[in-house]
Amino acid sequence: MGSSKLEAFTAEEINLAELAKALGHPARIAILKELARRNSCVCGEIVDVLPLAQSTVSQHLKELKAVGLIQGTVEGVKSCYCIDWNTMRSLQNLIGSFLPCCEPDKSDKSCC
């Protein structure tokens, strides 16, 4: 989408779309679940819990880091990643502000 078309949307809508796009692969969801379960920085063990090649996991970590859902450091061959809880809270707030407007009207019988 061209930048001129993006101007029609709010910063919140753009941010939510970028975060949702990053969440759009099951491997990324699995990575986030594992990092959240451990609730600590994980150094290299993510590959051990996913049925994916190290290079594929690295690409997914890169995507999650690019939108700020995780933080990471690379020192030589050792990489450590953890959840960025500030971004996760922001995502939760963005979704929460979006969902109330989508609740069905209980009196509306026209919807299946």
PDB file of N, CA and C in Angstrom:
ATOM      1  N   MET A   1       0.853  -1.165   0.000  1.00  0.00           N
ATOM      2  CA  MET A   1       0.000   0.000   0.000  1.00  0.00           C
ATOM      3  C   MET A   1       0.899   1.228   0.000  1.00  0.00           C
ATOM      4  N   GLY A   2       0.619   2.163  -0.886  1.00  0.00           N
ATOM      5  CA  GLY A   2       1.423   3.368  -0.985  1.00  0.00           C
ATOM      6  C   GLY A   2       1.283   4.244   0.233  1.00  0.00           C
ATOM      7  N   SER A   3       2.298   5.076   0.481  1.00  0.00           N
ATOM      8  CA  SER A   3       2.268   5.925   1.661  1.00  0.00           C
ATOM      9  C   SER A   3       1.116   6.911   1.622  1.00  0.00           C
ATOM     10  N   SER A   4       0.699   7.375   0.431  1.00  0.00           N
ATOM     11  CA  SER A   4      -0.419   8.320   0.356  1.00  0.00           C
ATOM     12  C   SER A   4      -1.718   7.653   0.801  1.00  0.00           C
ATOM     13  N   LYS A   5      -1.873   6.372   0.534  1.00  0.00           N
ATOM     14  CA  LYS A   5      -3.077   5.658   0.965  1.00  0.00           C
ATOM     15  C   LYS A   5      -3.044   5.412   2.471  1.00  0.00           C
ATOM     16  N   LEU A   6      -1.850   5.228   3.036  1.00  0.00           N
ATOM     17  CA  LEU A   6      -1.742   5.016   4.482  1.00  0.00           C
ATOM     18  C   LEU A   6      -2.160   6.249   5.264  1.00  0.00           C
ATOM     19  N   GLU A   7      -2.058   7.419   4.661  1.00  0.00           N
ATOM     20  CA  GLU A   7      -2.432   8.657   5.347  1.00  0.00           C
ATOM     21  C   GLU A   7      -3.904   8.685   5.731  1.00  0.00           C
ATOM     22  N   ALA A   8      -4.701   7.853   5.102  1.00  0.00           N
ATOM     23  CA  ALA A   8      -6.133   7.792   5.397  1.00  0.00           C
ATOM     24  C   ALA A   8      -6.424   7.059   6.701  1.00  0.00           C
ATOM     25  N   PHE A   9      -5.411   6.417   7.279  1.00  0.00           N
ATOM     26  CA  PHE A   9      -5.602   5.627   8.486  1.00  0.00           C
ATOM     27  C   PHE A   9      -4.905   6.271   9.675  1.00  0.00           C
ATOM     28  N   THR A  10      -5.419   5.977  10.871  1.00  0.00           N
ATOM     29  CA  THR A  10      -4.796   6.519  12.075  1.00  0.00           C
ATOM     30  C   THR A  10      -3.514   5.766  12.394  1.00  0.00           C
ATOM     31  N   ALA A  11      -2.687   6.378  13.210  1.00  0.00           N
ATOM     32  CA  ALA A  11      -1.446   5.730  13.641  1.00  0.00           C
ATOM     33  C   ALA A  11      -1.761   4.427  14.373  1.00  0.00           C
ATOM     34  N   GLU A  12      -2.839   4.420  15.147  1.00  0.00           N
ATOM     35  CA  GLU A  12      -3.226   3.217  15.883  1.00  0.00           C
ATOM     36  C   GLU A  12      -3.619   2.095  14.926  1.00  0.00           C
ATOM     37  N   GLU A  13      -4.359   2.433  13.867  1.00  0.00           N
ATOM     38  CA  GLU A  13      -4.763   1.421  12.891  1.00  0.00           C
ATOM     39  C   GLU A  13      -3.550   0.843  12.163  1.00  0.00           C
ATOM     40  N   ILE A  14      -2.623   1.698  11.811  1.00  0.00           N
ATOM     41  CA  ILE A  14      -1.406   1.245  11.130  1.00  0.00           C
ATOM     42  C   ILE A  14      -0.578   0.369  12.060  1.00  0.00           C
ATOM     43  N   ASN A  15      -0.425   0.809  13.311  1.00  0.00           N
ATOM     44  CA  ASN A  15       0.356   0.042  14.287  1.00  0.00           C
ATOM     45  C   ASN A  15      -0.266  -1.322  14.528  1.00  0.00           C
ATOM     46  N   LEU A  16      -1.583  -1.366  14.720  1.00  0.00           N
ATOM     47  CA  LEU A  16      -2.262  -2.646  14.942  1.00  0.00           C
ATOM     48  C   LEU A  16      -2.109  -3.565  13.733  1.00  0.00           C
ATOM     49  N   ALA A  17      -2.203  -3.014  12.538  1.00  0.00           N
ATOM     50  CA  ALA A  17      -2.041  -3.830  11.327  1.00  0.00           C
ATOM     51  C   ALA A  17      -0.640  -4.407  11.231  1.00  0.00           C
ATOM     52  N   GLU A  18       0.378  -3.620  11.582  1.00  0.00           N
ATOM     53  CA  GLU A  18       1.758  -4.113  11.542  1.00  0.00           C
ATOM     54  C   GLU A  18       1.974  -5.226  12.563  1.00  0.00           C
ATOM     55  N   LEU A  19       1.438  -5.038  13.760  1.00  0.00           N
ATOM     56  CA  LEU A  19       1.568  -6.069  14.795  1.00  0.00           C
ATOM     57  C   LEU A  19       0.803  -7.327  14.387  1.00  0.00           C
ATOM     58  N   ALA A  20      -0.395  -7.154  13.846  1.00  0.00           N
ATOM     59  CA  ALA A  20      -1.194  -8.300  13.423  1.00  0.00           C
ATOM     60  C   ALA A  20      -0.494  -9.065  12.300  1.00  0.00           C
ATOM     61  N   LYS A  21       0.135  -8.350  11.402  1.00  0.00           N
ATOM     62  CA  LYS A  21       0.869  -9.011  10.316  1.00  0.00           C
ATOM     63  C   LYS A  21       2.005  -9.863  10.885  1.00  0.00           C
ATOM     64  N   ALA A  22       2.701  -9.328  11.885  1.00  0.00           N
ATOM     65  CA  ALA A  22       3.788 -10.091  12.513  1.00  0.00           C
ATOM     66  C   ALA A  22       3.260 -11.325  13.224  1.00  0.00           C
ATOM     67  N   LEU A  23       2.038 -11.269  13.709  1.00  0.00           N
ATOM     68  CA  LEU A  23       1.420 -12.407  14.394  1.00  0.00           C
ATOM     69  C   LEU A  23       0.784 -13.389  13.418  1.00  0.00           C
ATOM     70  N   GLY A  24       0.880 -13.104  12.127  1.00  0.00           N
ATOM     71  CA  GLY A  24       0.186 -13.872  11.120  1.00  0.00           C
ATOM     72  C   GLY A  24       0.811 -15.191  10.720  1.00  0.00           C
ATOM     73  N   HIS A  25       1.718 -15.711  11.505  1.00  0.00           N
ATOM     74  CA  HIS A  25       2.303 -17.034  11.209  1.00  0.00           C
ATOM     75  C   HIS A  25       2.310 -17.851  12.496  1.00  0.00           C
ATOM     76  N   PRO A  26       1.875 -19.108  12.428  1.00  0.00           N
ATOM     77  CA  PRO A  26       1.808 -19.923  13.648  1.00  0.00           C
ATOM     78  C   PRO A  26       3.153 -20.102  14.349  1.00  0.00           C
ATOM     79  N   ALA A  27       4.245 -20.082  13.608  1.00  0.00           N
ATOM     80  CA  ALA A  27       5.560 -20.221  14.248  1.00  0.00           C
ATOM     81  C   ALA A  27       5.840 -19.017  15.147  1.00  0.00           C
ATOM     82  N   ARG A  28       5.410 -17.845  14.714  1.00  0.00           N
ATOM     83  CA  ARG A  28       5.640 -16.638  15.532  1.00  0.00           C
ATOM     84  C   ARG A  28       4.790 -16.673  16.793  1.00  0.00           C
ATOM     85  N   ILE A  29       3.575 -17.184  16.667  1.00  0.00           N
ATOM     86  CA  ILE A  29       2.727 -17.343  17.851  1.00  0.00           C
ATOM     87  C   ILE A  29       3.386 -18.334  18.815  1.00  0.00           C
ATOM     88  N   ALA A  30       3.898 -19.438  18.293  1.00  0.00           N
ATOM     89  CA  ALA A  30       4.565 -20.441  19.132  1.00  0.00           C
ATOM     90  C   ALA A  30       5.798 -19.849  19.816  1.00  0.00           C
ATOM     91  N   ILE A  31       6.539 -19.044  19.107  1.00  0.00           N
ATOM     92  CA  ILE A  31       7.723 -18.399  19.694  1.00  0.00           C
ATOM     93  C   ILE A  31       7.300 -17.489  20.838  1.00  0.00           C
ATOM     94  N   LEU A  32       6.294 -16.667  20.605  1.00  0.00           N
ATOM     95  CA  LEU A  32       5.828 -15.752  21.659  1.00  0.00           C
ATOM     96  C   LEU A  32       5.291 -16.517  22.864  1.00  0.00           C
ATOM     97  N   LYS A  33       4.548 -17.595  22.605  1.00  0.00           N
ATOM     98  CA  LYS A  33       4.032 -18.406  23.710  1.00  0.00           C
ATOM     99  C   LYS A  33       5.172 -18.995  24.539  1.00  0.00           C
ATOM    100  N   GLU A  34       6.192 -19.471  23.871  1.00  0.00           N
ATOM    101  CA  GLU A  34       7.324 -20.066  24.581  1.00  0.00           C
ATOM    102  C   GLU A  34       8.082 -19.012  25.389  1.00  0.00           C
ATOM    103  N   LEU A  35       8.309 -17.861  24.799  1.00  0.00           N
ATOM    104  CA  LEU A  35       8.999 -16.789  25.525  1.00  0.00           C
ATOM    105  C   LEU A  35       8.171 -16.326  26.717  1.00  0.00           C
ATOM    106  N   ALA A  36       6.858 -16.217  26.536  1.00  0.00           N
ATOM    107  CA  ALA A  36       5.983 -15.801  27.636  1.00  0.00           C
ATOM    108  C   ALA A  36       5.940 -16.869  28.725  1.00  0.00           C
ATOM    109  N   ARG A  37       5.912 -18.138  28.323  1.00  0.00           N
ATOM    110  CA  ARG A  37       5.882 -19.236  29.299  1.00  0.00           C
ATOM    111  C   ARG A  37       7.121 -19.214  30.173  1.00  0.00           C
ATOM    112  N   ARG A  38       8.245 -18.980  29.563  1.00  0.00           N
ATOM    113  CA  ARG A  38       9.501 -18.963  30.316  1.00  0.00           C
ATOM    114  C   ARG A  38       9.669 -17.676  31.114  1.00  0.00           C
ATOM    115  N   ASN A  39       9.047 -16.606  30.637  1.00  0.00           N
ATOM    116  CA  ASN A  39       9.106 -15.295  31.289  1.00  0.00           C
ATOM    117  C   ASN A  39      10.529 -14.880  31.629  1.00  0.00           C
ATOM    118  N   SER A  40      11.432 -15.179  30.730  1.00  0.00           N
ATOM    119  CA  SER A  40      12.827 -14.761  30.878  1.00  0.00           C
ATOM    120  C   SER A  40      13.448 -14.746  29.492  1.00  0.00           C
ATOM    121  N   CYS A  41      14.628 -14.194  29.404  1.00  0.00           N
ATOM    122  CA  CYS A  41      15.322 -14.204  28.119  1.00  0.00           C
ATOM    123  C   CYS A  41      15.770 -15.626  27.798  1.00  0.00           C
ATOM    124  N   VAL A  42      15.610 -15.993  26.550  1.00  0.00           N
ATOM    125  CA  VAL A  42      15.952 -17.332  26.094  1.00  0.00           C
ATOM    126  C   VAL A  42      17.107 -17.204  25.111  1.00  0.00           C
ATOM    127  N   CYS A  43      18.151 -17.935  25.384  1.00  0.00           N
ATOM    128  CA  CYS A  43      19.347 -17.868  24.544  1.00  0.00           C
ATOM    129  C   CYS A  43      19.510 -19.168  23.759  1.00  0.00           C
ATOM    130  N   GLY A  44      19.087 -19.138  22.506  1.00  0.00           N
ATOM    131  CA  GLY A  44      19.331 -20.278  21.624  1.00  0.00           C
ATOM    132  C   GLY A  44      18.407 -21.451  21.738  1.00  0.00           C
ATOM    133  N   GLU A  45      17.641 -21.589  22.813  1.00  0.00           N
ATOM    134  CA  GLU A  45      16.815 -22.784  22.995  1.00  0.00           C
ATOM    135  C   GLU A  45      15.509 -22.759  22.210  1.00  0.00           C
ATOM    136  N   ILE A  46      15.155 -21.642  21.625  1.00  0.00           N
ATOM    137  CA  ILE A  46      13.907 -21.560  20.870  1.00  0.00           C
ATOM    138  C   ILE A  46      13.894 -22.589  19.738  1.00  0.00           C
ATOM    139  N   VAL A  47      15.013 -22.768  19.089  1.00  0.00           N
ATOM    140  CA  VAL A  47      15.105 -23.730  17.981  1.00  0.00           C
ATOM    141  C   VAL A  47      14.776 -25.141  18.473  1.00  0.00           C
ATOM    142  N   ASP A  48      15.117 -25.439  19.715  1.00  0.00           N
ATOM    143  CA  ASP A  48      14.904 -26.787  20.251  1.00  0.00           C
ATOM    144  C   ASP A  48      13.431 -27.126  20.457  1.00  0.00           C
ATOM    145  N   VAL A  49      12.560 -26.117  20.576  1.00  0.00           N
ATOM    146  CA  VAL A  49      11.151 -26.389  20.861  1.00  0.00           C
ATOM    147  C   VAL A  49      10.255 -26.242  19.632  1.00  0.00           C
ATOM    148  N   LEU A  50      10.837 -25.903  18.493  1.00  0.00           N
ATOM    149  CA  LEU A  50      10.054 -25.751  17.267  1.00  0.00           C
ATOM    150  C   LEU A  50      10.521 -26.741  16.209  1.00  0.00           C
ATOM    151  N   PRO A  51       9.597 -27.232  15.405  1.00  0.00           N
ATOM    152  CA  PRO A  51       9.967 -28.189  14.351  1.00  0.00           C
ATOM    153  C   PRO A  51      10.443 -27.472  13.086  1.00  0.00           C
ATOM    154  N   LEU A  52      11.309 -26.490  13.269  1.00  0.00           N
ATOM    155  CA  LEU A  52      11.790 -25.684  12.153  1.00  0.00           C
ATOM    156  C   LEU A  52      13.304 -25.590  12.171  1.00  0.00           C
ATOM    157  N   ALA A  53      13.871 -25.334  11.020  1.00  0.00           N
ATOM    158  CA  ALA A  53      15.319 -25.141  10.919  1.00  0.00           C
ATOM    159  C   ALA A  53      15.723 -23.860  11.631  1.00  0.00           C
ATOM    160  N   GLN A  54      16.955 -23.831  12.071  1.00  0.00           N
ATOM    161  CA  GLN A  54      17.475 -22.666  12.788  1.00  0.00           C
ATOM    162  C   GLN A  54      17.337 -21.399  11.954  1.00  0.00           C
ATOM    163  N   SER A  55      17.595 -21.481  10.672  1.00  0.00           N
ATOM    164  CA  SER A  55      17.507 -20.300   9.814  1.00  0.00           C
ATOM    165  C   SER A  55      16.065 -19.787   9.717  1.00  0.00           C
ATOM    166  N   THR A  56      15.108 -20.698   9.711  1.00  0.00           N
ATOM    167  CA  THR A  56      13.695 -20.311   9.659  1.00  0.00           C
ATOM    168  C   THR A  56      13.280 -19.648  10.959  1.00  0.00           C
ATOM    169  N   VAL A  57      13.689 -20.219  12.082  1.00  0.00           N
ATOM    170  CA  VAL A  57      13.387 -19.629  13.386  1.00  0.00           C
ATOM    171  C   VAL A  57      14.006 -18.232  13.475  1.00  0.00           C
ATOM    172  N   SER A  58      15.226 -18.094  12.992  1.00  0.00           N
ATOM    173  CA  SER A  58      15.893 -16.791  13.006  1.00  0.00           C
ATOM    174  C   SER A  58      15.108 -15.759  12.222  1.00  0.00           C
ATOM    175  N   GLN A  59      14.560 -16.151  11.088  1.00  0.00           N
ATOM    176  CA  GLN A  59      13.770 -15.228  10.271  1.00  0.00           C
ATOM    177  C   GLN A  59      12.507 -14.795  11.023  1.00  0.00           C
ATOM    178  N   HIS A  60      11.858 -15.741  11.701  1.00  0.00           N
ATOM    179  CA  HIS A  60      10.660 -15.399  12.473  1.00  0.00           C
ATOM    180  C   HIS A  60      11.014 -14.492  13.651  1.00  0.00           C
ATOM    181  N   LEU A  61      12.115 -14.760  14.312  1.00  0.00           N
ATOM    182  CA  LEU A  61      12.563 -13.893  15.402  1.00  0.00           C
ATOM    183  C   LEU A  61      12.836 -12.481  14.881  1.00  0.00           C
ATOM    184  N   LYS A  62      13.429 -12.391  13.716  1.00  0.00           N
ATOM    185  CA  LYS A  62      13.720 -11.092  13.101  1.00  0.00           C
ATOM    186  C   LYS A  62      12.428 -10.310  12.864  1.00  0.00           C
ATOM    187  N   GLU A  63      11.392 -10.982  12.374  1.00  0.00           N
ATOM    188  CA  GLU A  63      10.102 -10.321  12.121  1.00  0.00           C
ATOM    189  C   GLU A  63       9.465  -9.835  13.426  1.00  0.00           C
ATOM    190  N   LEU A  64       9.506 -10.660  14.457  1.00  0.00           N
ATOM    191  CA  LEU A  64       8.937 -10.272  15.749  1.00  0.00           C
ATOM    192  C   LEU A  64       9.704  -9.108  16.366  1.00  0.00           C
ATOM    193  N   LYS A  65      11.001  -9.128  16.205  1.00  0.00           N
ATOM    194  CA  LYS A  65      11.842  -8.052  16.741  1.00  0.00           C
ATOM    195  C   LYS A  65      11.616  -6.755  15.972  1.00  0.00           C
ATOM    196  N   ALA A  66      11.410  -6.845  14.670  1.00  0.00           N
ATOM    197  CA  ALA A  66      11.229  -5.655  13.838  1.00  0.00           C
ATOM    198  C   ALA A  66      10.012  -4.831  14.262  1.00  0.00           C
ATOM    199  N   VAL A  67       8.966  -5.498  14.746  1.00  0.00           N
ATOM    200  CA  VAL A  67       7.774  -4.761  15.191  1.00  0.00           C
ATOM    201  C   VAL A  67       7.784  -4.512  16.695  1.00  0.00           C
ATOM    202  N   GLY A  68       8.832  -4.970  17.367  1.00  0.00           N
ATOM    203  CA  GLY A  68       8.975  -4.682  18.789  1.00  0.00           C
ATOM    204  C   GLY A  68       8.291  -5.646  19.731  1.00  0.00           C
ATOM    205  N   LEU A  69       7.770  -6.767  19.226  1.00  0.00           N
ATOM    206  CA  LEU A  69       7.131  -7.729  20.121  1.00  0.00           C
ATOM    207  C   LEU A  69       8.138  -8.461  20.992  1.00  0.00           C
ATOM    208  N   ILE A  70       9.363  -8.572  20.511  1.00  0.00           N
ATOM    209  CA  ILE A  70      10.432  -9.164  21.310  1.00  0.00           C
ATOM    210  C   ILE A  70      11.645  -8.250  21.273  1.00  0.00           C
ATOM    211  N   GLN A  71      12.496  -8.434  22.263  1.00  0.00           N
ATOM    212  CA  GLN A  71      13.789  -7.762  22.309  1.00  0.00           C
ATOM    213  C   GLN A  71      14.838  -8.842  22.132  1.00  0.00           C
ATOM    214  N   GLY A  72      15.953  -8.475  21.559  1.00  0.00           N
ATOM    215  CA  GLY A  72      16.986  -9.475  21.366  1.00  0.00           C
ATOM    216  C   GLY A  72      18.366  -8.875  21.284  1.00  0.00           C
ATOM    217  N   THR A  73      19.311  -9.688  21.673  1.00  0.00           N
ATOM    218  CA  THR A  73      20.714  -9.300  21.552  1.00  0.00           C
ATOM    219  C   THR A  73      21.463 -10.446  20.885  1.00  0.00           C
ATOM    220  N   VAL A  74      22.438 -10.085  20.098  1.00  0.00           N
ATOM    221  CA  VAL A  74      23.275 -11.075  19.439  1.00  0.00           C
ATOM    222  C   VAL A  74      24.715 -10.761  19.792  1.00  0.00           C
ATOM    223  N   GLU A  75      25.374 -11.739  20.391  1.00  0.00           N
ATOM    224  CA  GLU A  75      26.789 -11.611  20.736  1.00  0.00           C
ATOM    225  C   GLU A  75      27.508 -12.815  20.156  1.00  0.00           C
ATOM    226  N   GLY A  76      28.173 -12.588  19.045  1.00  0.00           N
ATOM    227  CA  GLY A  76      28.833 -13.701  18.363  1.00  0.00           C
ATOM    228  C   GLY A  76      27.799 -14.665  17.831  1.00  0.00           C
ATOM    229  N   VAL A  77      27.912 -15.923  18.223  1.00  0.00           N
ATOM    230  CA  VAL A  77      26.937 -16.930  17.782  1.00  0.00           C
ATOM    231  C   VAL A  77      25.780 -17.092  18.760  1.00  0.00           C
ATOM    232  N   LYS A  78      25.817 -16.361  19.867  1.00  0.00           N
ATOM    233  CA  LYS A  78      24.789 -16.488  20.894  1.00  0.00           C
ATOM    234  C   LYS A  78      23.749 -15.373  20.747  1.00  0.00           C
ATOM    235  N   SER A  79      22.472 -15.772  20.638  1.00  0.00           N
ATOM    236  CA  SER A  79      21.365 -14.829  20.540  1.00  0.00           C
ATOM    237  C   SER A  79      20.434 -15.051  21.722  1.00  0.00           C
ATOM    238  N   CYS A  80      20.008 -13.960  22.335  1.00  0.00           N
ATOM    239  CA  CYS A  80      19.068 -14.033  23.451  1.00  0.00           C
ATOM    240  C   CYS A  80      17.845 -13.185  23.130  1.00  0.00           C
ATOM    241  N   TYR A  81      16.656 -13.744  23.389  1.00  0.00           N
ATOM    242  CA  TYR A  81      15.416 -13.043  23.089  1.00  0.00           C
ATOM    243  C   TYR A  81      14.465 -13.129  24.268  1.00  0.00           C
ATOM    244  N   CYS A  82      13.647 -12.080  24.417  1.00  0.00           N
ATOM    245  CA  CYS A  82      12.602 -12.078  25.427  1.00  0.00           C
ATOM    246  C   CYS A  82      11.443 -11.211  24.936  1.00  0.00           C
ATOM    247  N   ILE A  83      10.293 -11.392  25.554  1.00  0.00           N
ATOM    248  CA  ILE A  83       9.094 -10.619  25.227  1.00  0.00           C
ATOM    249  C   ILE A  83       9.339  -9.161  25.592  1.00  0.00           C
ATOM    250  N   ASP A  84       8.900  -8.252  24.748  1.00  0.00           N
ATOM    251  CA  ASP A  84       8.871  -6.831  25.099  1.00  0.00           C
ATOM    252  C   ASP A  84       7.472  -6.569  25.648  1.00  0.00           C
ATOM    253  N   TRP A  85       7.370  -6.569  26.958  1.00  0.00           N
ATOM    254  CA  TRP A  85       6.062  -6.476  27.603  1.00  0.00           C
ATOM    255  C   TRP A  85       5.387  -5.149  27.359  1.00  0.00           C
ATOM    256  N   ASN A  86       6.146  -4.087  27.143  1.00  0.00           N
ATOM    257  CA  ASN A  86       5.536  -2.795  26.825  1.00  0.00           C
ATOM    258  C   ASN A  86       4.776  -2.871  25.502  1.00  0.00           C
ATOM    259  N   THR A  87       5.378  -3.501  24.509  1.00  0.00           N
ATOM    260  CA  THR A  87       4.712  -3.645  23.215  1.00  0.00           C
ATOM    261  C   THR A  87       3.530  -4.593  23.330  1.00  0.00           C
ATOM    262  N   MET A  88       3.662  -5.643  24.123  1.00  0.00           N
ATOM    263  CA  MET A  88       2.542  -6.577  24.307  1.00  0.00           C
ATOM    264  C   MET A  88       1.353  -5.873  24.965  1.00  0.00           C
ATOM    265  N   ARG A  89       1.621  -5.018  25.954  1.00  0.00           N
ATOM    266  CA  ARG A  89       0.535  -4.261  26.589  1.00  0.00           C
ATOM    267  C   ARG A  89      -0.088  -3.287  25.587  1.00  0.00           C
ATOM    268  N   SER A  90       0.749  -2.692  24.758  1.00  0.00           N
ATOM    269  CA  SER A  90       0.247  -1.788  23.726  1.00  0.00           C
ATOM    270  C   SER A  90      -0.653  -2.542  22.751  1.00  0.00           C
ATOM    271  N   LEU A  91      -0.240  -3.741  22.346  1.00  0.00           N
ATOM    272  CA  LEU A  91      -1.046  -4.579  21.460  1.00  0.00           C
ATOM    273  C   LEU A  91      -2.382  -4.910  22.114  1.00  0.00           C
ATOM    274  N   GLN A  92      -2.328  -5.267  23.376  1.00  0.00           N
ATOM    275  CA  GLN A  92      -3.550  -5.593  24.108  1.00  0.00           C
ATOM    276  C   GLN A  92      -4.493  -4.386  24.142  1.00  0.00           C
ATOM    277  N   ASN A  93      -3.939  -3.199  24.382  1.00  0.00           N
ATOM    278  CA  ASN A  93      -4.753  -1.986  24.406  1.00  0.00           C
ATOM    279  C   ASN A  93      -5.331  -1.669  23.030  1.00  0.00           C
ATOM    280  N   LEU A  94      -4.518  -1.837  21.991  1.00  0.00           N
ATOM    281  CA  LEU A  94      -5.000  -1.585  20.627  1.00  0.00           C
ATOM    282  C   LEU A  94      -6.144  -2.517  20.270  1.00  0.00           C
ATOM    283  N   ILE A  95      -6.001  -3.790  20.614  1.00  0.00           N
ATOM    284  CA  ILE A  95      -7.068  -4.755  20.328  1.00  0.00           C
ATOM    285  C   ILE A  95      -8.294  -4.435  21.176  1.00  0.00           C
ATOM    286  N   GLY A  96      -8.066  -4.090  22.441  1.00  0.00           N
ATOM    287  CA  GLY A  96      -9.174  -3.760  23.327  1.00  0.00           C
ATOM    288  C   GLY A  96      -9.953  -2.541  22.863  1.00  0.00           C
ATOM    289  N   SER A  97      -9.258  -1.557  22.300  1.00  0.00           N
ATOM    290  CA  SER A  97      -9.958  -0.357  21.825  1.00  0.00           C
ATOM    291  C   SER A  97     -10.686  -0.638  20.516  1.00  0.00           C
ATOM    292  N   PHE A  98     -10.274  -1.653  19.813  1.00  0.00           N
ATOM    293  CA  PHE A  98     -10.878  -2.021  18.529  1.00  0.00           C
ATOM    294  C   PHE A  98     -12.109  -2.904  18.732  1.00  0.00           C
ATOM    295  N   LEU A  99     -12.053  -3.835  19.646  1.00  0.00           N
ATOM    296  CA  LEU A  99     -13.107  -4.838  19.781  1.00  0.00           C
ATOM    297  C   LEU A  99     -14.457  -4.326  20.277  1.00  0.00           C
ATOM    298  N   PRO A 100     -14.522  -3.388  21.217  1.00  0.00           N
ATOM    299  CA  PRO A 100     -15.855  -2.972  21.684  1.00  0.00           C
ATOM    300  C   PRO A 100     -16.769  -2.492  20.559  1.00  0.00           C
ATOM    301  N   CYS A 101     -16.206  -1.858  19.536  1.00  0.00           N
ATOM    302  CA  CYS A 101     -17.048  -1.376  18.439  1.00  0.00           C
ATOM    303  C   CYS A 101     -17.533  -2.522  17.568  1.00  0.00           C
ATOM    304  N   CYS A 102     -17.033  -3.681  17.771  1.00  0.00           N
ATOM    305  CA  CYS A 102     -17.400  -4.824  16.926  1.00  0.00           C
ATOM    306  C   CYS A 102     -18.347  -5.790  17.618  1.00  0.00           C
ATOM    307  N   GLU A 103     -18.772  -5.491  18.827  1.00  0.00           N
ATOM    308  CA  GLU A 103     -19.696  -6.388  19.508  1.00  0.00           C
ATOM    309  C   GLU A 103     -21.057  -6.298  18.842  1.00  0.00           C
ATOM    310  N   PRO A 104     -21.668  -7.451  18.608  1.00  0.00           N
ATOM    311  CA  PRO A 104     -22.979  -7.428  17.951  1.00  0.00           C
ATOM    312  C   PRO A 104     -24.047  -6.823  18.867  1.00  0.00           C
ATOM    313  N   ASP A 105     -24.963  -6.150  18.249  1.00  0.00           N
ATOM    314  CA  ASP A 105     -26.101  -5.613  18.974  1.00  0.00           C
ATOM    315  C   ASP A 105     -27.043  -6.781  19.281  1.00  0.00           C
ATOM    316  N   LYS A 106     -27.305  -7.019  20.553  1.00  0.00           N
ATOM    317  CA  LYS A 106     -28.125  -8.178  20.967  1.00  0.00           C
ATOM    318  C   LYS A 106     -29.547  -8.098  20.394  1.00  0.00           C
ATOM    319  N   SER A 107     -30.021  -6.862  20.126  1.00  0.00           N
ATOM    320  CA  SER A 107     -31.385  -6.729  19.613  1.00  0.00           C
ATOM    321  C   SER A 107     -31.450  -6.906  18.103  1.00  0.00           C
ATOM    322  N   ASP A 108     -30.298  -6.936  17.438  1.00  0.00           N
ATOM    323  CA  ASP A 108     -30.266  -7.086  15.987  1.00  0.00           C
ATOM    324  C   ASP A 108     -30.417  -8.558  15.630  1.00  0.00           C
ATOM    325  N   LYS A 109     -31.560  -8.925  15.093  1.00  0.00           N
ATOM    326  CA  LYS A 109     -31.849 -10.321  14.746  1.00  0.00           C
ATOM    327  C   LYS A 109     -31.504 -10.629  13.291  1.00  0.00           C
ATOM    328  N   SER A 110     -30.987  -9.644  12.546  1.00  0.00           N
ATOM    329  CA  SER A 110     -30.724  -9.863  11.128  1.00  0.00           C
ATOM    330  C   SER A 110     -29.433 -10.629  10.871  1.00  0.00           C
ATOM    331  N   CYS A 111     -28.607 -10.737  11.873  1.00  0.00           N
ATOM    332  CA  CYS A 111     -27.339 -11.443  11.706  1.00  0.00           C
ATOM    333  C   CYS A 111     -27.554 -12.933  11.958  1.00  0.00           C
ATOM    334  N   CYS A 112     -26.842 -13.759  11.194  1.00  0.00           N
ATOM    335  CA  CYS A 112     -27.002 -15.198  11.403  1.00  0.00           C
ATOM    336  C   CYS A 112     -26.337 -15.522  12.665  1.00  0.00           C
TER     337      CYS A 112
END
